[in-house]
Amino acid sequence: MSIEVRIPEDMWEEDSEAVITSWFVSNGGSVNEGDVIAELMVEKIQHELSAPASGTLSIGKDIDEVVAKGDVVATITA
């Protein structure tokens, strides 16, 4: 089963886009639900993205890519 990792709609207030500044888990790495897996920057404010489930992470967006609320940035395979 594969679960999409999306940027939550309520992660920040504005409709601004974000930039992925870092991934804390490598592509193919194991994650546990709730682990912080990535960091995003919106207008010079850092936000942490947590894993919605446990499993193996497949990164879909690279560091420095621009993303918006609701975008799928990775998947987790249980």
PDB file of N, CA and C in Angstrom:
ATOM      1  N   MET A   1       0.837  -1.174   0.000  1.00  0.00           N
ATOM      2  CA  MET A   1       0.000   0.000   0.000  1.00  0.00           C
ATOM      3  C   MET A   1       0.889   1.247   0.000  1.00  0.00           C
ATOM      4  N   SER A   2       0.540   2.207  -0.832  1.00  0.00           N
ATOM      5  CA  SER A   2       1.317   3.422  -0.966  1.00  0.00           C
ATOM      6  C   SER A   2       0.498   4.625  -0.479  1.00  0.00           C
ATOM      7  N   ILE A   3       1.112   5.456   0.350  1.00  0.00           N
ATOM      8  CA  ILE A   3       0.441   6.635   0.907  1.00  0.00           C
ATOM      9  C   ILE A   3       1.158   7.880   0.404  1.00  0.00           C
ATOM     10  N   GLU A   4       0.383   8.838  -0.107  1.00  0.00           N
ATOM     11  CA  GLU A   4       0.957  10.086  -0.603  1.00  0.00           C
ATOM     12  C   GLU A   4       1.331  10.999   0.560  1.00  0.00           C
ATOM     13  N   VAL A   5       2.484  11.642   0.433  1.00  0.00           N
ATOM     14  CA  VAL A   5       2.907  12.657   1.394  1.00  0.00           C
ATOM     15  C   VAL A   5       2.602  13.997   0.742  1.00  0.00           C
ATOM     16  N   ARG A   6       1.597  14.692   1.269  1.00  0.00           N
ATOM     17  CA  ARG A   6       1.164  15.976   0.716  1.00  0.00           C
ATOM     18  C   ARG A   6       1.526  17.115   1.657  1.00  0.00           C
ATOM     19  N   ILE A   7       1.702  18.293   1.072  1.00  0.00           N
ATOM     20  CA  ILE A   7       1.884  19.501   1.883  1.00  0.00           C
ATOM     21  C   ILE A   7       0.509  19.833   2.475  1.00  0.00           C
ATOM     22  N   PRO A   8       0.376  19.858   3.799  1.00  0.00           N
ATOM     23  CA  PRO A   8      -0.927  20.151   4.396  1.00  0.00           C
ATOM     24  C   PRO A   8      -1.443  21.542   4.011  1.00  0.00           C
ATOM     25  N   GLU A   9      -2.747  21.626   3.804  1.00  0.00           N
ATOM     26  CA  GLU A   9      -3.391  22.896   3.429  1.00  0.00           C
ATOM     27  C   GLU A   9      -3.255  23.947   4.529  1.00  0.00           C
ATOM     28  N   ASP A  10      -3.069  23.511   5.775  1.00  0.00           N
ATOM     29  CA  ASP A  10      -2.986  24.453   6.895  1.00  0.00           C
ATOM     30  C   ASP A  10      -1.565  24.631   7.436  1.00  0.00           C
ATOM     31  N   MET A  11      -0.564  24.275   6.643  1.00  0.00           N
ATOM     32  CA  MET A  11       0.822  24.369   7.111  1.00  0.00           C
ATOM     33  C   MET A  11       1.248  25.822   7.338  1.00  0.00           C
ATOM     34  N   TRP A  12       0.778  26.727   6.499  1.00  0.00           N
ATOM     35  CA  TRP A  12       1.023  28.155   6.681  1.00  0.00           C
ATOM     36  C   TRP A  12      -0.238  28.884   6.246  1.00  0.00           C
ATOM     37  N   GLU A  13      -0.370  30.143   6.678  1.00  0.00           N
ATOM     38  CA  GLU A  13      -1.613  30.875   6.462  1.00  0.00           C
ATOM     39  C   GLU A  13      -1.788  31.401   5.048  1.00  0.00           C
ATOM     40  N   GLU A  14      -0.773  31.971   4.472  1.00  0.00           N
ATOM     41  CA  GLU A  14      -0.888  32.597   3.161  1.00  0.00           C
ATOM     42  C   GLU A  14      -1.002  31.551   2.056  1.00  0.00           C
ATOM     43  N   ASP A  15      -1.298  32.020   0.842  1.00  0.00           N
ATOM     44  CA  ASP A  15      -1.330  31.130  -0.316  1.00  0.00           C
ATOM     45  C   ASP A  15       0.015  31.091  -1.020  1.00  0.00           C
ATOM     46  N   SER A  16       1.073  31.451  -0.322  1.00  0.00           N
ATOM     47  CA  SER A  16       2.418  31.484  -0.892  1.00  0.00           C
ATOM     48  C   SER A  16       2.908  30.084  -1.227  1.00  0.00           C
ATOM     49  N   GLU A  17       3.861  30.023  -2.151  1.00  0.00           N
ATOM     50  CA  GLU A  17       4.527  28.764  -2.448  1.00  0.00           C
ATOM     51  C   GLU A  17       5.693  28.586  -1.496  1.00  0.00           C
ATOM     52  N   ALA A  18       6.153  27.361  -1.372  1.00  0.00           N
ATOM     53  CA  ALA A  18       7.276  27.031  -0.494  1.00  0.00           C
ATOM     54  C   ALA A  18       8.398  26.421  -1.317  1.00  0.00           C
ATOM     55  N   VAL A  19       9.568  26.332  -0.689  1.00  0.00           N
ATOM     56  CA  VAL A  19      10.725  25.666  -1.294  1.00  0.00           C
ATOM     57  C   VAL A  19      11.170  24.573  -0.329  1.00  0.00           C
ATOM     58  N   ILE A  20      11.430  23.386  -0.868  1.00  0.00           N
ATOM     59  CA  ILE A  20      11.959  22.308  -0.035  1.00  0.00           C
ATOM     60  C   ILE A  20      13.423  22.628   0.229  1.00  0.00           C
ATOM     61  N   THR A  21      13.765  22.812   1.504  1.00  0.00           N
ATOM     62  CA  THR A  21      15.147  23.164   1.841  1.00  0.00           C
ATOM     63  C   THR A  21      15.988  21.953   2.234  1.00  0.00           C
ATOM     64  N   SER A  22      15.325  20.887   2.725  1.00  0.00           N
ATOM     65  CA  SER A  22      16.087  19.680   3.046  1.00  0.00           C
ATOM     66  C   SER A  22      15.164  18.495   3.259  1.00  0.00           C
ATOM     67  N   TRP A  23      15.706  17.325   2.976  1.00  0.00           N
ATOM     68  CA  TRP A  23      15.073  16.054   3.308  1.00  0.00           C
ATOM     69  C   TRP A  23      15.891  15.454   4.433  1.00  0.00           C
ATOM     70  N   PHE A  24      15.254  15.020   5.506  1.00  0.00           N
ATOM     71  CA  PHE A  24      15.960  14.436   6.644  1.00  0.00           C
ATOM     72  C   PHE A  24      16.082  12.923   6.525  1.00  0.00           C
ATOM     73  N   VAL A  25      15.400  12.337   5.538  1.00  0.00           N
ATOM     74  CA  VAL A  25      15.455  10.897   5.289  1.00  0.00           C
ATOM     75  C   VAL A  25      15.823  10.716   3.822  1.00  0.00           C
ATOM     76  N   SER A  26      16.709   9.798   3.547  1.00  0.00           N
ATOM     77  CA  SER A  26      17.123   9.531   2.166  1.00  0.00           C
ATOM     78  C   SER A  26      16.030   8.799   1.408  1.00  0.00           C
ATOM     79  N   ASN A  27      16.063   8.926   0.079  1.00  0.00           N
ATOM     80  CA  ASN A  27      15.156   8.187  -0.780  1.00  0.00           C
ATOM     81  C   ASN A  27      15.352   6.691  -0.520  1.00  0.00           C
ATOM     82  N   GLY A  28      14.272   5.979  -0.225  1.00  0.00           N
ATOM     83  CA  GLY A  28      14.371   4.557   0.096  1.00  0.00           C
ATOM     84  C   GLY A  28      14.569   4.280   1.573  1.00  0.00           C
ATOM     85  N   GLY A  29      14.674   5.336   2.382  1.00  0.00           N
ATOM     86  CA  GLY A  29      14.874   5.163   3.819  1.00  0.00           C
ATOM     87  C   GLY A  29      13.583   4.839   4.552  1.00  0.00           C
ATOM     88  N   SER A  30      13.720   4.296   5.731  1.00  0.00           N
ATOM     89  CA  SER A  30      12.561   3.951   6.563  1.00  0.00           C
ATOM     90  C   SER A  30      12.146   5.140   7.410  1.00  0.00           C
ATOM     91  N   VAL A  31      10.824   5.322   7.542  1.00  0.00           N
ATOM     92  CA  VAL A  31      10.284   6.388   8.387  1.00  0.00           C
ATOM     93  C   VAL A  31       9.191   5.809   9.278  1.00  0.00           C
ATOM     94  N   ASN A  32       8.979   6.463  10.399  1.00  0.00           N
ATOM     95  CA  ASN A  32       7.883   6.121  11.296  1.00  0.00           C
ATOM     96  C   ASN A  32       6.866   7.252  11.254  1.00  0.00           C
ATOM     97  N   GLU A  33       5.610   6.916  11.414  1.00  0.00           N
ATOM     98  CA  GLU A  33       4.567   7.928  11.424  1.00  0.00           C
ATOM     99  C   GLU A  33       4.908   9.010  12.438  1.00  0.00           C
ATOM    100  N   GLY A  34       4.828  10.274  12.009  1.00  0.00           N
ATOM    101  CA  GLY A  34       5.129  11.404  12.888  1.00  0.00           C
ATOM    102  C   GLY A  34       6.558  11.899  12.794  1.00  0.00           C
ATOM    103  N   ASP A  35       7.465  11.113  12.189  1.00  0.00           N
ATOM    104  CA  ASP A  35       8.853  11.564  12.020  1.00  0.00           C
ATOM    105  C   ASP A  35       8.885  12.812  11.146  1.00  0.00           C
ATOM    106  N   VAL A  36       9.758  13.755  11.476  1.00  0.00           N
ATOM    107  CA  VAL A  36       9.975  14.909  10.602  1.00  0.00           C
ATOM    108  C   VAL A  36      10.833  14.420   9.444  1.00  0.00           C
ATOM    109  N   ILE A  37      10.312  14.572   8.217  1.00  0.00           N
ATOM    110  CA  ILE A  37      11.020  14.032   7.053  1.00  0.00           C
ATOM    111  C   ILE A  37      11.583  15.104   6.134  1.00  0.00           C
ATOM    112  N   ALA A  38      11.042  16.330   6.228  1.00  0.00           N
ATOM    113  CA  ALA A  38      11.520  17.392   5.339  1.00  0.00           C
ATOM    114  C   ALA A  38      11.297  18.752   5.991  1.00  0.00           C
ATOM    115  N   GLU A  39      12.014  19.727   5.457  1.00  0.00           N
ATOM    116  CA  GLU A  39      11.864  21.103   5.907  1.00  0.00           C
ATOM    117  C   GLU A  39      11.547  21.967   4.700  1.00  0.00           C
ATOM    118  N   LEU A  40      10.577  22.854   4.861  1.00  0.00           N
ATOM    119  CA  LEU A  40      10.148  23.756   3.795  1.00  0.00           C
ATOM    120  C   LEU A  40      10.325  25.190   4.258  1.00  0.00           C
ATOM    121  N   MET A  41      10.596  26.086   3.327  1.00  0.00           N
ATOM    122  CA  MET A  41      10.706  27.496   3.672  1.00  0.00           C
ATOM    123  C   MET A  41       9.651  28.284   2.905  1.00  0.00           C
ATOM    124  N   VAL A  42       8.905  29.094   3.659  1.00  0.00           N
ATOM    125  CA  VAL A  42       7.899  29.987   3.090  1.00  0.00           C
ATOM    126  C   VAL A  42       8.201  31.382   3.614  1.00  0.00           C
ATOM    127  N   GLU A  43       8.558  32.287   2.720  1.00  0.00           N
ATOM    128  CA  GLU A  43       8.851  33.668   3.090  1.00  0.00           C
ATOM    129  C   GLU A  43       9.778  33.747   4.305  1.00  0.00           C
ATOM    130  N   LYS A  44      10.881  33.021   4.246  1.00  0.00           N
ATOM    131  CA  LYS A  44      11.945  32.991   5.250  1.00  0.00           C
ATOM    132  C   LYS A  44      11.527  32.383   6.588  1.00  0.00           C
ATOM    133  N   ILE A  45      10.436  31.614   6.583  1.00  0.00           N
ATOM    134  CA  ILE A  45      10.000  30.889   7.779  1.00  0.00           C
ATOM    135  C   ILE A  45      10.075  29.395   7.464  1.00  0.00           C
ATOM    136  N   GLN A  46      10.756  28.646   8.343  1.00  0.00           N
ATOM    137  CA  GLN A  46      10.917  27.204   8.148  1.00  0.00           C
ATOM    138  C   GLN A  46       9.705  26.459   8.714  1.00  0.00           C
ATOM    139  N   HIS A  47       9.245  25.440   7.996  1.00  0.00           N
ATOM    140  CA  HIS A  47       8.163  24.567   8.426  1.00  0.00           C
ATOM    141  C   HIS A  47       8.634  23.126   8.283  1.00  0.00           C
ATOM    142  N   GLU A  48       8.232  22.270   9.229  1.00  0.00           N
ATOM    143  CA  GLU A  48       8.623  20.862   9.186  1.00  0.00           C
ATOM    144  C   GLU A  48       7.469  20.018   8.662  1.00  0.00           C
ATOM    145  N   LEU A  49       7.798  19.073   7.795  1.00  0.00           N
ATOM    146  CA  LEU A  49       6.821  18.154   7.227  1.00  0.00           C
ATOM    147  C   LEU A  49       7.018  16.786   7.878  1.00  0.00           C
ATOM    148  N   SER A  50       5.939  16.237   8.430  1.00  0.00           N
ATOM    149  CA  SER A  50       6.011  14.948   9.122  1.00  0.00           C
ATOM    150  C   SER A  50       5.445  13.826   8.267  1.00  0.00           C
ATOM    151  N   ALA A  51       5.911  12.626   8.532  1.00  0.00           N
ATOM    152  CA  ALA A  51       5.437  11.441   7.817  1.00  0.00           C
ATOM    153  C   ALA A  51       4.021  11.097   8.274  1.00  0.00           C
ATOM    154  N   PRO A  52       3.094  10.901   7.320  1.00  0.00           N
ATOM    155  CA  PRO A  52       1.722  10.541   7.696  1.00  0.00           C
ATOM    156  C   PRO A  52       1.552   9.055   8.027  1.00  0.00           C
ATOM    157  N   ALA A  53       2.583   8.260   7.779  1.00  0.00           N
ATOM    158  CA  ALA A  53       2.518   6.817   8.019  1.00  0.00           C
ATOM    159  C   ALA A  53       3.936   6.268   8.144  1.00  0.00           C
ATOM    160  N   SER A  54       4.042   5.028   8.555  1.00  0.00           N
ATOM    161  CA  SER A  54       5.336   4.348   8.641  1.00  0.00           C
ATOM    162  C   SER A  54       5.580   3.539   7.377  1.00  0.00           C
ATOM    163  N   GLY A  55       6.849   3.431   6.974  1.00  0.00           N
ATOM    164  CA  GLY A  55       7.191   2.636   5.805  1.00  0.00           C
ATOM    165  C   GLY A  55       8.454   3.125   5.138  1.00  0.00           C
ATOM    166  N   THR A  56       8.544   2.881   3.826  1.00  0.00           N
ATOM    167  CA  THR A  56       9.708   3.267   3.037  1.00  0.00           C
ATOM    168  C   THR A  56       9.382   4.518   2.232  1.00  0.00           C
ATOM    169  N   LEU A  57      10.235   5.533   2.343  1.00  0.00           N
ATOM    170  CA  LEU A  57      10.007   6.833   1.695  1.00  0.00           C
ATOM    171  C   LEU A  57      10.545   6.847   0.270  1.00  0.00           C
ATOM    172  N   SER A  58       9.708   7.321  -0.649  1.00  0.00           N
ATOM    173  CA  SER A  58      10.128   7.567  -2.031  1.00  0.00           C
ATOM    174  C   SER A  58       9.939   9.058  -2.300  1.00  0.00           C
ATOM    175  N   ILE A  59      11.039   9.768  -2.431  1.00  0.00           N
ATOM    176  CA  ILE A  59      11.000  11.222  -2.612  1.00  0.00           C
ATOM    177  C   ILE A  59      10.596  11.553  -4.044  1.00  0.00           C
ATOM    178  N   GLY A  60       9.634  12.480  -4.176  1.00  0.00           N
ATOM    179  CA  GLY A  60       9.137  12.878  -5.491  1.00  0.00           C
ATOM    180  C   GLY A  60       9.543  14.276  -5.908  1.00  0.00           C
ATOM    181  N   LYS A  61       9.985  15.081  -4.955  1.00  0.00           N
ATOM    182  CA  LYS A  61      10.409  16.461  -5.246  1.00  0.00           C
ATOM    183  C   LYS A  61      11.804  16.666  -4.662  1.00  0.00           C
ATOM    184  N   ASP A  62      12.648  17.348  -5.417  1.00  0.00           N
ATOM    185  CA  ASP A  62      14.029  17.579  -4.999  1.00  0.00           C
ATOM    186  C   ASP A  62      14.170  18.806  -4.114  1.00  0.00           C
ATOM    187  N   ILE A  63      15.297  18.893  -3.430  1.00  0.00           N
ATOM    188  CA  ILE A  63      15.644  20.096  -2.674  1.00  0.00           C
ATOM    189  C   ILE A  63      15.670  21.267  -3.643  1.00  0.00           C
ATOM    190  N   ASP A  64      15.193  22.404  -3.195  1.00  0.00           N
ATOM    191  CA  ASP A  64      15.094  23.669  -3.937  1.00  0.00           C
ATOM    192  C   ASP A  64      13.924  23.706  -4.920  1.00  0.00           C
ATOM    193  N   GLU A  65      13.104  22.635  -4.983  1.00  0.00           N
ATOM    194  CA  GLU A  65      11.904  22.685  -5.827  1.00  0.00           C
ATOM    195  C   GLU A  65      10.826  23.509  -5.133  1.00  0.00           C
ATOM    196  N   VAL A  66      10.072  24.239  -5.936  1.00  0.00           N
ATOM    197  CA  VAL A  66       8.965  25.039  -5.438  1.00  0.00           C
ATOM    198  C   VAL A  66       7.731  24.154  -5.349  1.00  0.00           C
ATOM    199  N   VAL A  67       7.045  24.220  -4.203  1.00  0.00           N
ATOM    200  CA  VAL A  67       5.839  23.426  -3.981  1.00  0.00           C
ATOM    201  C   VAL A  67       4.745  24.319  -3.397  1.00  0.00           C
ATOM    202  N   ALA A  68       3.512  23.838  -3.486  1.00  0.00           N
ATOM    203  CA  ALA A  68       2.370  24.574  -2.949  1.00  0.00           C
ATOM    204  C   ALA A  68       1.579  23.663  -2.023  1.00  0.00           C
ATOM    205  N   LYS A  69       0.683  24.252  -1.253  1.00  0.00           N
ATOM    206  CA  LYS A  69      -0.191  23.464  -0.396  1.00  0.00           C
ATOM    207  C   LYS A  69      -0.931  22.419  -1.226  1.00  0.00           C
ATOM    208  N   GLY A  70      -1.021  21.215  -0.721  1.00  0.00           N
ATOM    209  CA  GLY A  70      -1.723  20.143  -1.414  1.00  0.00           C
ATOM    210  C   GLY A  70      -0.863  19.333  -2.363  1.00  0.00           C
ATOM    211  N   ASP A  71       0.347  19.809  -2.690  1.00  0.00           N
ATOM    212  CA  ASP A  71       1.232  19.078  -3.600  1.00  0.00           C
ATOM    213  C   ASP A  71       1.716  17.773  -2.970  1.00  0.00           C
ATOM    214  N   VAL A  72       1.811  16.735  -3.794  1.00  0.00           N
ATOM    215  CA  VAL A  72       2.402  15.466  -3.365  1.00  0.00           C
ATOM    216  C   VAL A  72       3.918  15.590  -3.538  1.00  0.00           C
ATOM    217  N   VAL A  73       4.663  15.417  -2.464  1.00  0.00           N
ATOM    218  CA  VAL A  73       6.122  15.565  -2.524  1.00  0.00           C
ATOM    219  C   VAL A  73       6.857  14.240  -2.373  1.00  0.00           C
ATOM    220  N   ALA A  74       6.130  13.206  -1.939  1.00  0.00           N
ATOM    221  CA  ALA A  74       6.743  11.893  -1.733  1.00  0.00           C
ATOM    222  C   ALA A  74       5.634  10.865  -1.547  1.00  0.00           C
ATOM    223  N   THR A  75       6.027   9.602  -1.504  1.00  0.00           N
ATOM    224  CA  THR A  75       5.097   8.537  -1.144  1.00  0.00           C
ATOM    225  C   THR A  75       5.763   7.647  -0.101  1.00  0.00           C
ATOM    226  N   ILE A  76       4.946   6.987   0.684  1.00  0.00           N
ATOM    227  CA  ILE A  76       5.442   6.036   1.677  1.00  0.00           C
ATOM    228  C   ILE A  76       4.775   4.701   1.385  1.00  0.00           C
ATOM    229  N   THR A  77       5.594   3.670   1.234  1.00  0.00           N
ATOM    230  CA  THR A  77       5.093   2.329   0.982  1.00  0.00           C
ATOM    231  C   THR A  77       5.208   1.521   2.273  1.00  0.00           C
ATOM    232  N   ALA A  78       4.079   0.990   2.708  1.00  0.00           N
ATOM    233  CA  ALA A  78       4.052   0.224   3.969  1.00  0.00           C
ATOM    234  C   ALA A  78       4.578  -1.183   3.755  1.00  0.00           C
TER     235      ALA A  78
END
